[in-house]
Amino acid sequence: MSELWDIVKLLSDSTRSRILLILNNEELSVAELQDVMNMGQSRISSHLSLLRQAELVVDRKEGKKTYYSMNVDCSLEKNKLIHSIFSALKTESNVSEDEVNLKRILEKRKQAAEEYFNSLAGRLGKHYCPGRSWEAISSFLLYLTPKLKIADLGSGEGLISQLLARNAEKVTCVDNAPKMIEFGRTLSAKNDLSNLEFILGDMESVPLEDCSVDIALLSQALHHASHPQKAVDEAYRILDHSGRVIIIDLLEHDFEKARVLYSDIWLGFSKNKLYQLLKSSGFKKIEINVVSREVEEPNFQTVLASACKF
């Protein structure tokens, strides 16, 4: 009971309760929280420190940045108390402003990535992209057999899909950059690939039906997802019962400039992290291997992961 009373006292401060409510909806950095709440860095950091000490907030390091989110592992009693406080907060004008500002910050994230990829439309195949190598692609293609229904999630111009469509039953490319979709469709028509379709959409909310494809591809796309688990969950959802997901991505690295140069959100993934993402979605027969190592700095390594739905 004393622990619950401590939470009540801690969250009686409206700023702390607002921060926790925001972080219940989205993982954010201190700078992003500043933008949402229109507050100074030191004030927000002080409140975050208290929330972290009370184990209501957890942090995650990603390169030089630290991201904060609400601790989802709280006890049932704690959760009930916290969400009752959230319910009481909903009528506050500051909370309504926070919700509007949070949407703006998330849209800003999305637009930054979209602007980057739109700027590369028509040039992506000629432009340097970390982890893209024929060695990695050839290992990736070994998993494929003809006459399959394939979804290429976060496809860009669909360079890999242009190759796969020559033998597949159907290939559907999904990307959230309109110019990438436009260029892919033009290239597809030029190559007379009637079984290659391009759809504007997000890899975290794929506009395809459940159990509708045999193969789901995420080729150098997952590190651009705001929520990688959602993207992997979507791959699981759209796969047929005997379907397979194949992921090519960068192995975890510390090349911080990738965020600016390539609009990367995540600095690659460790093999353990990829295993956890796939396992959490329900995938079986998980295989993960490093398939390529670049000789030039920053020495990116490419990891290939494969798993079956059942």
C-alpha atoms as a PDB file:
ATOM      1  CA  MET A   1       0.000   0.000   0.000  1.00  0.00           C
ATOM      2  CA  SER A   2       2.875   2.385   0.801  1.00  0.00           C
ATOM      3  CA  GLU A   3       4.282   1.853  -2.704  1.00  0.00           C
ATOM      4  CA  LEU A   4       0.952   2.862  -4.253  1.00  0.00           C
ATOM      5  CA  TRP A   5       0.764   5.883  -1.984  1.00  0.00           C
ATOM      6  CA  ASP A   6       4.268   6.896  -3.121  1.00  0.00           C
ATOM      7  CA  ILE A   7       3.067   6.781  -6.720  1.00  0.00           C
ATOM      8  CA  VAL A   8       0.079   8.978  -5.852  1.00  0.00           C
ATOM      9  CA  LYS A   9       2.402  11.531  -4.254  1.00  0.00           C
ATOM     10  CA  LEU A  10       4.832  11.379  -7.177  1.00  0.00           C
ATOM     11  CA  LEU A  11       2.127  11.843  -9.793  1.00  0.00           C
ATOM     12  CA  SER A  12       0.337  14.562  -7.843  1.00  0.00           C
ATOM     13  CA  ASP A  13       2.740  16.841  -9.696  1.00  0.00           C
ATOM     14  CA  SER A  14       0.923  17.585 -12.949  1.00  0.00           C
ATOM     15  CA  THR A  15       4.125  17.869 -14.988  1.00  0.00           C
ATOM     16  CA  ARG A  16       5.268  14.381 -13.991  1.00  0.00           C
ATOM     17  CA  SER A  17       1.866  12.869 -14.647  1.00  0.00           C
ATOM     18  CA  ARG A  18       1.754  14.584 -18.069  1.00  0.00           C
ATOM     19  CA  ILE A  19       5.203  13.247 -18.940  1.00  0.00           C
ATOM     20  CA  LEU A  20       4.151   9.732 -17.988  1.00  0.00           C
ATOM     21  CA  LEU A  21       0.951  10.007 -20.026  1.00  0.00           C
ATOM     22  CA  ILE A  22       2.923  11.149 -23.078  1.00  0.00           C
ATOM     23  CA  LEU A  23       5.445   8.327 -22.669  1.00  0.00           C
ATOM     24  CA  ASN A  24       2.608   5.836 -22.331  1.00  0.00           C
ATOM     25  CA  ASN A  25       1.727   6.693 -25.934  1.00  0.00           C
ATOM     26  CA  GLU A  26       5.183   7.018 -27.510  1.00  0.00           C
ATOM     27  CA  GLU A  27       8.886   6.536 -26.830  1.00  0.00           C
ATOM     28  CA  LEU A  28      10.577   9.971 -26.969  1.00  0.00           C
ATOM     29  CA  SER A  29      13.912  11.682 -26.383  1.00  0.00           C
ATOM     30  CA  VAL A  30      14.301  14.583 -23.950  1.00  0.00           C
ATOM     31  CA  ALA A  31      14.504  16.991 -26.895  1.00  0.00           C
ATOM     32  CA  GLU A  32      11.226  15.654 -28.283  1.00  0.00           C
ATOM     33  CA  LEU A  33       9.582  15.946 -24.863  1.00  0.00           C
ATOM     34  CA  GLN A  34      10.749  19.568 -24.772  1.00  0.00           C
ATOM     35  CA  ASP A  35       8.982  20.201 -28.082  1.00  0.00           C
ATOM     36  CA  VAL A  36       5.807  18.475 -26.933  1.00  0.00           C
ATOM     37  CA  MET A  37       5.578  20.217 -23.550  1.00  0.00           C
ATOM     38  CA  ASN A  38       7.298  23.534 -24.335  1.00  0.00           C
ATOM     39  CA  MET A  39       9.588  23.147 -21.325  1.00  0.00           C
ATOM     40  CA  GLY A  40      13.290  23.450 -20.656  1.00  0.00           C
ATOM     41  CA  GLN A  41      15.656  20.475 -20.761  1.00  0.00           C
ATOM     42  CA  SER A  42      16.725  20.631 -17.109  1.00  0.00           C
ATOM     43  CA  ARG A  43      13.149  20.658 -15.803  1.00  0.00           C
ATOM     44  CA  ILE A  44      12.122  17.671 -17.906  1.00  0.00           C
ATOM     45  CA  SER A  45      15.304  15.759 -17.044  1.00  0.00           C
ATOM     46  CA  SER A  46      14.684  16.286 -13.311  1.00  0.00           C
ATOM     47  CA  HIS A  47      11.163  14.884 -13.566  1.00  0.00           C
ATOM     48  CA  LEU A  48      12.345  11.953 -15.696  1.00  0.00           C
ATOM     49  CA  SER A  49      14.961  11.118 -13.073  1.00  0.00           C
ATOM     50  CA  LEU A  50      12.268  10.854 -10.378  1.00  0.00           C
ATOM     51  CA  LEU A  51      10.003   8.763 -12.607  1.00  0.00           C
ATOM     52  CA  ARG A  52      12.889   6.479 -13.449  1.00  0.00           C
ATOM     53  CA  GLN A  53      13.803   6.053  -9.764  1.00  0.00           C
ATOM     54  CA  ALA A  54      10.212   5.030  -9.101  1.00  0.00           C
ATOM     55  CA  GLU A  55      10.492   2.501 -11.982  1.00  0.00           C
ATOM     56  CA  LEU A  56       7.613   4.133 -13.819  1.00  0.00           C
ATOM     57  CA  VAL A  57       9.832   5.067 -16.765  1.00  0.00           C
ATOM     58  CA  VAL A  58      12.548   3.102 -18.568  1.00  0.00           C
ATOM     59  CA  ASP A  59      15.247   4.407 -20.891  1.00  0.00           C
ATOM     60  CA  ARG A  60      16.953   2.992 -23.961  1.00  0.00           C
ATOM     61  CA  LYS A  61      20.275   4.068 -25.462  1.00  0.00           C
ATOM     62  CA  GLU A  62      20.449   4.337 -29.242  1.00  0.00           C
ATOM     63  CA  GLY A  63      23.889   5.641 -30.201  1.00  0.00           C
ATOM     64  CA  LYS A  64      24.332   8.987 -28.442  1.00  0.00           C
ATOM     65  CA  LYS A  65      20.605   9.444 -27.905  1.00  0.00           C
ATOM     66  CA  THR A  66      18.498   8.248 -24.980  1.00  0.00           C
ATOM     67  CA  TYR A  67      14.814   7.433 -25.447  1.00  0.00           C
ATOM     68  CA  TYR A  68      12.264   7.163 -22.654  1.00  0.00           C
ATOM     69  CA  SER A  69       9.021   5.235 -22.394  1.00  0.00           C
ATOM     70  CA  MET A  70       6.589   4.154 -19.705  1.00  0.00           C
ATOM     71  CA  ASN A  71       7.528   0.930 -17.923  1.00  0.00           C
ATOM     72  CA  VAL A  72       5.039  -1.675 -19.170  1.00  0.00           C
ATOM     73  CA  ASP A  73       6.179  -4.230 -16.581  1.00  0.00           C
ATOM     74  CA  CYS A  74       4.473  -2.542 -13.634  1.00  0.00           C
ATOM     75  CA  SER A  75       2.237  -4.637 -11.413  1.00  0.00           C
ATOM     76  CA  LEU A  76      -1.497  -4.829 -12.101  1.00  0.00           C
ATOM     77  CA  GLU A  77      -2.232  -2.634  -9.061  1.00  0.00           C
ATOM     78  CA  LYS A  78       0.240   0.006 -10.230  1.00  0.00           C
ATOM     79  CA  ASN A  79      -1.197  -0.004 -13.730  1.00  0.00           C
ATOM     80  CA  LYS A  80      -4.744   0.427 -12.482  1.00  0.00           C
ATOM     81  CA  LEU A  81      -3.698   3.355 -10.295  1.00  0.00           C
ATOM     82  CA  ILE A  82      -1.666   5.031 -13.037  1.00  0.00           C
ATOM     83  CA  HIS A  83      -4.429   4.719 -15.624  1.00  0.00           C
ATOM     84  CA  SER A  84      -6.991   6.077 -13.191  1.00  0.00           C
ATOM     85  CA  ILE A  85      -4.735   9.125 -12.835  1.00  0.00           C
ATOM     86  CA  PHE A  86      -4.502   9.311 -16.627  1.00  0.00           C
ATOM     87  CA  SER A  87      -8.306   9.311 -16.846  1.00  0.00           C
ATOM     88  CA  ALA A  88      -8.489  12.239 -14.431  1.00  0.00           C
ATOM     89  CA  LEU A  89      -5.894  14.114 -16.487  1.00  0.00           C
ATOM     90  CA  LYS A  90      -7.821  13.856 -19.765  1.00  0.00           C
ATOM     91  CA  THR A  91      -9.913  16.942 -18.995  1.00  0.00           C
ATOM     92  CA  GLU A  92      -6.872  19.198 -18.481  1.00  0.00           C
ATOM     93  CA  SER A  93      -6.203  21.712 -21.269  1.00  0.00           C
ATOM     94  CA  ASN A  94      -2.451  21.092 -21.070  1.00  0.00           C
ATOM     95  CA  VAL A  95      -3.044  17.422 -21.838  1.00  0.00           C
ATOM     96  CA  SER A  96      -5.018  18.290 -24.964  1.00  0.00           C
ATOM     97  CA  GLU A  97      -2.151  20.528 -26.074  1.00  0.00           C
ATOM     98  CA  ASP A  98       0.313  17.701 -25.379  1.00  0.00           C
ATOM     99  CA  GLU A  99      -1.685  15.358 -27.612  1.00  0.00           C
ATOM    100  CA  VAL A 100      -1.683  17.879 -30.472  1.00  0.00           C
ATOM    101  CA  ASN A 101       2.040  18.571 -30.070  1.00  0.00           C
ATOM    102  CA  LEU A 102       2.875  14.863 -29.887  1.00  0.00           C
ATOM    103  CA  LYS A 103       1.102  14.270 -33.197  1.00  0.00           C
ATOM    104  CA  ARG A 104       3.104  17.130 -34.675  1.00  0.00           C
ATOM    105  CA  ILE A 105       6.421  15.677 -33.440  1.00  0.00           C
ATOM    106  CA  LEU A 106       5.597  12.211 -34.790  1.00  0.00           C
ATOM    107  CA  GLU A 107       4.556  13.712 -38.129  1.00  0.00           C
ATOM    108  CA  LYS A 108       7.844  15.635 -38.169  1.00  0.00           C
ATOM    109  CA  ARG A 109       9.729  12.335 -37.733  1.00  0.00           C
ATOM    110  CA  LYS A 110       7.766  10.762 -40.562  1.00  0.00           C
ATOM    111  CA  GLN A 111       8.220  13.735 -42.899  1.00  0.00           C
ATOM    112  CA  ALA A 112      11.993  13.799 -42.343  1.00  0.00           C
ATOM    113  CA  ALA A 113      12.296  10.181 -43.466  1.00  0.00           C
ATOM    114  CA  GLU A 114       9.856  10.707 -46.358  1.00  0.00           C
ATOM    115  CA  GLU A 115      11.754  13.772 -47.615  1.00  0.00           C
ATOM    116  CA  TYR A 116      15.015  11.833 -47.555  1.00  0.00           C
ATOM    117  CA  PHE A 117      13.672   8.912 -49.582  1.00  0.00           C
ATOM    118  CA  ASN A 118      11.719  11.110 -51.975  1.00  0.00           C
ATOM    119  CA  SER A 119      14.987  12.922 -52.727  1.00  0.00           C
ATOM    120  CA  LEU A 120      16.537   9.575 -53.720  1.00  0.00           C
ATOM    121  CA  ALA A 121      13.732   8.423 -56.014  1.00  0.00           C
ATOM    122  CA  GLY A 122      15.256   7.370 -59.321  1.00  0.00           C
ATOM    123  CA  ARG A 123      18.766   7.402 -57.849  1.00  0.00           C
ATOM    124  CA  LEU A 124      18.561   4.804 -55.084  1.00  0.00           C
ATOM    125  CA  GLY A 125      20.049   2.040 -57.194  1.00  0.00           C
ATOM    126  CA  LYS A 126      23.065   4.247 -57.994  1.00  0.00           C
ATOM    127  CA  HIS A 127      23.325   5.800 -54.532  1.00  0.00           C
ATOM    128  CA  TYR A 128      25.398   4.295 -51.729  1.00  0.00           C
ATOM    129  CA  CYS A 129      23.232   2.476 -49.185  1.00  0.00           C
ATOM    130  CA  PRO A 130      24.769   0.849 -46.086  1.00  0.00           C
ATOM    131  CA  GLY A 131      24.552  -2.921 -46.153  1.00  0.00           C
ATOM    132  CA  ARG A 132      23.448  -3.263 -49.766  1.00  0.00           C
ATOM    133  CA  SER A 133      25.767  -5.693 -51.513  1.00  0.00           C
ATOM    134  CA  TRP A 134      25.355  -8.423 -54.105  1.00  0.00           C
ATOM    135  CA  GLU A 135      26.838 -10.845 -51.590  1.00  0.00           C
ATOM    136  CA  ALA A 136      23.998 -10.122 -49.187  1.00  0.00           C
ATOM    137  CA  ILE A 137      21.348 -10.094 -51.914  1.00  0.00           C
ATOM    138  CA  SER A 138      22.491 -13.431 -53.318  1.00  0.00           C
ATOM    139  CA  SER A 139      22.243 -15.038 -49.864  1.00  0.00           C
ATOM    140  CA  PHE A 140      18.791 -13.493 -49.549  1.00  0.00           C
ATOM    141  CA  LEU A 141      17.615 -14.875 -52.900  1.00  0.00           C
ATOM    142  CA  LEU A 142      18.671 -18.433 -51.966  1.00  0.00           C
ATOM    143  CA  TYR A 143      15.603 -18.625 -49.748  1.00  0.00           C
ATOM    144  CA  LEU A 144      13.196 -17.982 -52.628  1.00  0.00           C
ATOM    145  CA  THR A 145      11.432 -20.409 -54.920  1.00  0.00           C
ATOM    146  CA  PRO A 146       9.376 -19.575 -58.034  1.00  0.00           C
ATOM    147  CA  LYS A 147       5.630 -18.872 -58.241  1.00  0.00           C
ATOM    148  CA  LEU A 148       5.168 -17.342 -54.812  1.00  0.00           C
ATOM    149  CA  LYS A 149       3.166 -14.354 -53.614  1.00  0.00           C
ATOM    150  CA  ILE A 150       5.718 -11.928 -52.183  1.00  0.00           C
ATOM    151  CA  ALA A 151       5.361  -8.684 -50.203  1.00  0.00           C
ATOM    152  CA  ASP A 152       8.348  -6.330 -50.193  1.00  0.00           C
ATOM    153  CA  LEU A 153       7.834  -4.071 -47.139  1.00  0.00           C
ATOM    154  CA  GLY A 154       9.658  -0.746 -47.161  1.00  0.00           C
ATOM    155  CA  SER A 155      10.573  -1.539 -50.742  1.00  0.00           C
ATOM    156  CA  GLY A 156      11.777   1.833 -51.989  1.00  0.00           C
ATOM    157  CA  GLU A 157      11.933   1.635 -55.785  1.00  0.00           C
ATOM    158  CA  GLY A 158      11.560  -2.140 -55.546  1.00  0.00           C
ATOM    159  CA  LEU A 159      14.938  -3.005 -57.065  1.00  0.00           C
ATOM    160  CA  ILE A 160      14.933  -6.507 -55.555  1.00  0.00           C
ATOM    161  CA  SER A 161      11.277  -7.005 -56.433  1.00  0.00           C
ATOM    162  CA  GLN A 162      11.979  -6.117 -60.061  1.00  0.00           C
ATOM    163  CA  LEU A 163      14.175  -9.247 -60.120  1.00  0.00           C
ATOM    164  CA  LEU A 164      11.823 -11.449 -58.108  1.00  0.00           C
ATOM    165  CA  ALA A 165       8.776 -10.568 -60.213  1.00  0.00           C
ATOM    166  CA  ARG A 166      10.266 -12.320 -63.247  1.00  0.00           C
ATOM    167  CA  ASN A 167       9.498 -15.698 -61.649  1.00  0.00           C
ATOM    168  CA  ALA A 168       7.078 -15.005 -58.791  1.00  0.00           C
ATOM    169  CA  GLU A 169       3.302 -15.357 -59.048  1.00  0.00           C
ATOM    170  CA  LYS A 170       2.897 -11.819 -57.716  1.00  0.00           C
ATOM    171  CA  VAL A 171       5.080  -9.247 -55.932  1.00  0.00           C
ATOM    172  CA  THR A 172       3.591  -6.353 -53.952  1.00  0.00           C
ATOM    173  CA  CYS A 173       5.865  -3.467 -52.972  1.00  0.00           C
ATOM    174  CA  VAL A 174       4.779  -1.326 -50.017  1.00  0.00           C
ATOM    175  CA  ASP A 175       6.513   1.991 -49.272  1.00  0.00           C
ATOM    176  CA  ASN A 176       5.500   5.277 -47.619  1.00  0.00           C
ATOM    177  CA  ALA A 177       7.393   7.607 -49.987  1.00  0.00           C
ATOM    178  CA  PRO A 178       5.062   8.625 -52.874  1.00  0.00           C
ATOM    179  CA  LYS A 179       7.890   9.365 -55.291  1.00  0.00           C
ATOM    180  CA  MET A 180       9.457   5.962 -54.644  1.00  0.00           C
ATOM    181  CA  ILE A 181       6.117   4.348 -55.514  1.00  0.00           C
ATOM    182  CA  GLU A 182       5.778   6.501 -58.627  1.00  0.00           C
ATOM    183  CA  PHE A 183       9.256   5.656 -59.874  1.00  0.00           C
ATOM    184  CA  GLY A 184       8.808   1.951 -59.100  1.00  0.00           C
ATOM    185  CA  ARG A 185       5.590   1.814 -61.093  1.00  0.00           C
ATOM    186  CA  THR A 186       7.280   3.527 -64.043  1.00  0.00           C
ATOM    187  CA  LEU A 187      10.189   1.077 -63.968  1.00  0.00           C
ATOM    188  CA  SER A 188       7.799  -1.866 -63.610  1.00  0.00           C
ATOM    189  CA  ALA A 189       5.824  -0.764 -66.668  1.00  0.00           C
ATOM    190  CA  LYS A 190       9.037  -0.227 -68.617  1.00  0.00           C
ATOM    191  CA  ASN A 191      10.092  -3.812 -67.829  1.00  0.00           C
ATOM    192  CA  ASP A 192       6.592  -5.131 -68.651  1.00  0.00           C
ATOM    193  CA  LEU A 193       6.135  -6.702 -65.207  1.00  0.00           C
ATOM    194  CA  SER A 194       2.354  -7.027 -64.930  1.00  0.00           C
ATOM    195  CA  ASN A 195       2.640  -9.083 -61.728  1.00  0.00           C
ATOM    196  CA  LEU A 196       4.536  -6.332 -59.848  1.00  0.00           C
ATOM    197  CA  GLU A 197       2.318  -3.985 -57.848  1.00  0.00           C
ATOM    198  CA  PHE A 198       3.288  -0.849 -55.904  1.00  0.00           C
ATOM    199  CA  ILE A 199       1.139   0.326 -52.974  1.00  0.00           C
ATOM    200  CA  LEU A 200       1.583   3.456 -50.875  1.00  0.00           C
ATOM    201  CA  GLY A 201       1.575   2.365 -47.239  1.00  0.00           C
ATOM    202  CA  ASP A 202       3.503   1.921 -44.017  1.00  0.00           C
ATOM    203  CA  MET A 203       5.402  -1.222 -43.054  1.00  0.00           C
ATOM    204  CA  GLU A 204       3.932  -0.841 -39.550  1.00  0.00           C
ATOM    205  CA  SER A 205       0.382  -0.895 -40.934  1.00  0.00           C
ATOM    206  CA  VAL A 206       0.535  -2.899 -44.157  1.00  0.00           C
ATOM    207  CA  PRO A 207      -2.458  -2.433 -46.521  1.00  0.00           C
ATOM    208  CA  LEU A 208      -2.678  -6.175 -47.278  1.00  0.00           C
ATOM    209  CA  GLU A 209      -5.093  -8.819 -46.016  1.00  0.00           C
ATOM    210  CA  ASP A 210      -4.279 -11.428 -43.378  1.00  0.00           C
ATOM    211  CA  CYS A 211      -2.573 -14.614 -44.641  1.00  0.00           C
ATOM    212  CA  SER A 212      -2.318 -13.216 -48.189  1.00  0.00           C
ATOM    213  CA  VAL A 213       1.373 -13.774 -49.103  1.00  0.00           C
ATOM    214  CA  ASP A 214       3.951 -16.579 -49.008  1.00  0.00           C
ATOM    215  CA  ILE A 215       7.043 -14.436 -48.411  1.00  0.00           C
ATOM    216  CA  ALA A 216       7.416 -11.126 -46.542  1.00  0.00           C
ATOM    217  CA  LEU A 217      10.648  -9.226 -47.211  1.00  0.00           C
ATOM    218  CA  LEU A 218      12.219  -6.463 -45.136  1.00  0.00           C
ATOM    219  CA  SER A 219      15.372  -5.550 -47.028  1.00  0.00           C
ATOM    220  CA  GLN A 220      17.358  -2.734 -45.361  1.00  0.00           C
ATOM    221  CA  ALA A 221      13.989  -1.353 -44.227  1.00  0.00           C
ATOM    222  CA  LEU A 222      13.580  -2.352 -40.577  1.00  0.00           C
ATOM    223  CA  HIS A 223      16.081   0.218 -39.264  1.00  0.00           C
ATOM    224  CA  HIS A 224      13.805   2.917 -40.740  1.00  0.00           C
ATOM    225  CA  ALA A 225      10.768   1.707 -38.738  1.00  0.00           C
ATOM    226  CA  SER A 226       9.727   3.794 -35.739  1.00  0.00           C
ATOM    227  CA  HIS A 227       8.503   0.606 -34.089  1.00  0.00           C
ATOM    228  CA  PRO A 228      10.353  -2.454 -35.493  1.00  0.00           C
ATOM    229  CA  GLN A 229       8.177  -4.855 -33.506  1.00  0.00           C
ATOM    230  CA  LYS A 230       5.059  -3.528 -35.239  1.00  0.00           C
ATOM    231  CA  ALA A 231       6.683  -4.047 -38.641  1.00  0.00           C
ATOM    232  CA  VAL A 232       7.608  -7.649 -37.787  1.00  0.00           C
ATOM    233  CA  ASP A 233       4.119  -8.221 -36.351  1.00  0.00           C
ATOM    234  CA  GLU A 234       2.629  -6.991 -39.631  1.00  0.00           C
ATOM    235  CA  ALA A 235       4.854  -9.348 -41.601  1.00  0.00           C
ATOM    236  CA  TYR A 236       3.538 -12.212 -39.450  1.00  0.00           C
ATOM    237  CA  ARG A 237      -0.085 -11.121 -39.989  1.00  0.00           C
ATOM    238  CA  ILE A 238       0.020 -10.969 -43.792  1.00  0.00           C
ATOM    239  CA  LEU A 239       1.876 -14.291 -44.167  1.00  0.00           C
ATOM    240  CA  ASP A 240       0.084 -17.487 -45.093  1.00  0.00           C
ATOM    241  CA  HIS A 241       0.233 -20.262 -42.485  1.00  0.00           C
ATOM    242  CA  SER A 242       3.298 -21.790 -44.161  1.00  0.00           C
ATOM    243  CA  GLY A 243       4.852 -18.402 -44.983  1.00  0.00           C
ATOM    244  CA  ARG A 244       8.358 -17.129 -44.310  1.00  0.00           C
ATOM    245  CA  VAL A 245       9.758 -13.728 -43.375  1.00  0.00           C
ATOM    246  CA  ILE A 246      13.218 -12.711 -44.604  1.00  0.00           C
ATOM    247  CA  ILE A 247      15.043  -9.733 -43.144  1.00  0.00           C
ATOM    248  CA  ILE A 248      18.241  -8.142 -44.442  1.00  0.00           C
ATOM    249  CA  ASP A 249      19.529  -5.340 -42.257  1.00  0.00           C
ATOM    250  CA  LEU A 250      22.620  -3.819 -40.719  1.00  0.00           C
ATOM    251  CA  LEU A 251      24.192  -5.489 -37.738  1.00  0.00           C
ATOM    252  CA  GLU A 252      24.194  -3.174 -34.726  1.00  0.00           C
ATOM    253  CA  HIS A 253      26.820  -0.417 -35.159  1.00  0.00           C
ATOM    254  CA  ASP A 254      27.823   2.946 -33.695  1.00  0.00           C
ATOM    255  CA  PHE A 255      28.034   5.075 -36.861  1.00  0.00           C
ATOM    256  CA  GLU A 256      25.904   7.937 -35.510  1.00  0.00           C
ATOM    257  CA  LYS A 257      26.051   9.917 -38.778  1.00  0.00           C
ATOM    258  CA  ALA A 258      23.789   7.296 -40.375  1.00  0.00           C
ATOM    259  CA  ARG A 259      20.830   9.085 -38.777  1.00  0.00           C
ATOM    260  CA  VAL A 260      21.528  12.205 -40.859  1.00  0.00           C
ATOM    261  CA  LEU A 261      23.125  10.661 -43.954  1.00  0.00           C
ATOM    262  CA  TYR A 262      20.581   7.878 -44.493  1.00  0.00           C
ATOM    263  CA  SER A 263      17.656   8.922 -42.253  1.00  0.00           C
ATOM    264  CA  ASP A 264      18.190   5.801 -40.130  1.00  0.00           C
ATOM    265  CA  ILE A 265      16.137   5.589 -36.933  1.00  0.00           C
ATOM    266  CA  TRP A 266      17.924   2.527 -35.539  1.00  0.00           C
ATOM    267  CA  LEU A 267      21.668   1.908 -35.723  1.00  0.00           C
ATOM    268  CA  GLY A 268      21.221  -1.651 -36.913  1.00  0.00           C
ATOM    269  CA  PHE A 269      20.193  -4.632 -34.788  1.00  0.00           C
ATOM    270  CA  SER A 270      22.086  -7.245 -32.855  1.00  0.00           C
ATOM    271  CA  LYS A 271      21.350 -10.878 -33.668  1.00  0.00           C
ATOM    272  CA  ASN A 272      19.753 -11.202 -30.223  1.00  0.00           C
ATOM    273  CA  LYS A 273      17.462  -8.231 -30.892  1.00  0.00           C
ATOM    274  CA  LEU A 274      16.306  -9.647 -34.230  1.00  0.00           C
ATOM    275  CA  TYR A 275      15.674 -12.999 -32.571  1.00  0.00           C
ATOM    276  CA  GLN A 276      13.558 -11.302 -29.871  1.00  0.00           C
ATOM    277  CA  LEU A 277      11.534  -9.356 -32.472  1.00  0.00           C
ATOM    278  CA  LEU A 278      10.784 -12.503 -34.465  1.00  0.00           C
ATOM    279  CA  LYS A 279      10.078 -14.615 -31.390  1.00  0.00           C
ATOM    280  CA  SER A 280       7.721 -11.998 -29.938  1.00  0.00           C
ATOM    281  CA  SER A 281       5.700 -11.965 -33.185  1.00  0.00           C
ATOM    282  CA  GLY A 282       5.268 -15.749 -33.007  1.00  0.00           C
ATOM    283  CA  PHE A 283       7.732 -16.876 -35.670  1.00  0.00           C
ATOM    284  CA  LYS A 284       9.351 -20.330 -35.528  1.00  0.00           C
ATOM    285  CA  LYS A 285      12.513 -21.866 -37.029  1.00  0.00           C
ATOM    286  CA  ILE A 286      14.445 -18.625 -36.672  1.00  0.00           C
ATOM    287  CA  GLU A 287      17.828 -18.422 -38.421  1.00  0.00           C
ATOM    288  CA  ILE A 288      20.122 -15.388 -38.164  1.00  0.00           C
ATOM    289  CA  ASN A 289      23.563 -14.986 -39.751  1.00  0.00           C
ATOM    290  CA  VAL A 290      26.000 -12.239 -40.673  1.00  0.00           C
ATOM    291  CA  VAL A 291      26.381 -12.548 -44.456  1.00  0.00           C
ATOM    292  CA  SER A 292      28.496  -9.548 -45.428  1.00  0.00           C
ATOM    293  CA  ARG A 293      31.266  -7.391 -43.926  1.00  0.00           C
ATOM    294  CA  GLU A 294      32.311  -4.152 -45.611  1.00  0.00           C
ATOM    295  CA  VAL A 295      36.072  -3.560 -45.744  1.00  0.00           C
ATOM    296  CA  GLU A 296      35.861   0.240 -45.693  1.00  0.00           C
ATOM    297  CA  GLU A 297      34.980   2.298 -42.647  1.00  0.00           C
ATOM    298  CA  PRO A 298      32.611   2.350 -40.871  1.00  0.00           C
ATOM    299  CA  ASN A 299      32.769  -1.388 -41.678  1.00  0.00           C
ATOM    300  CA  PHE A 300      29.039  -2.067 -41.810  1.00  0.00           C
ATOM    301  CA  GLN A 301      28.027  -5.708 -41.457  1.00  0.00           C
ATOM    302  CA  THR A 302      24.882  -7.158 -42.995  1.00  0.00           C
ATOM    303  CA  VAL A 303      22.737  -9.634 -41.105  1.00  0.00           C
ATOM    304  CA  LEU A 304      20.239 -12.017 -42.700  1.00  0.00           C
ATOM    305  CA  ALA A 305      17.327 -13.370 -40.667  1.00  0.00           C
ATOM    306  CA  SER A 306      14.748 -15.922 -41.750  1.00  0.00           C
ATOM    307  CA  ALA A 307      11.816 -17.428 -39.878  1.00  0.00           C
ATOM    308  CA  CYS A 308       8.608 -19.387 -40.547  1.00  0.00           C
ATOM    309  CA  LYS A 309       5.098 -18.581 -39.372  1.00  0.00           C
ATOM    310  CA  PHE A 310       4.497 -22.192 -38.322  1.00  0.00           C
END
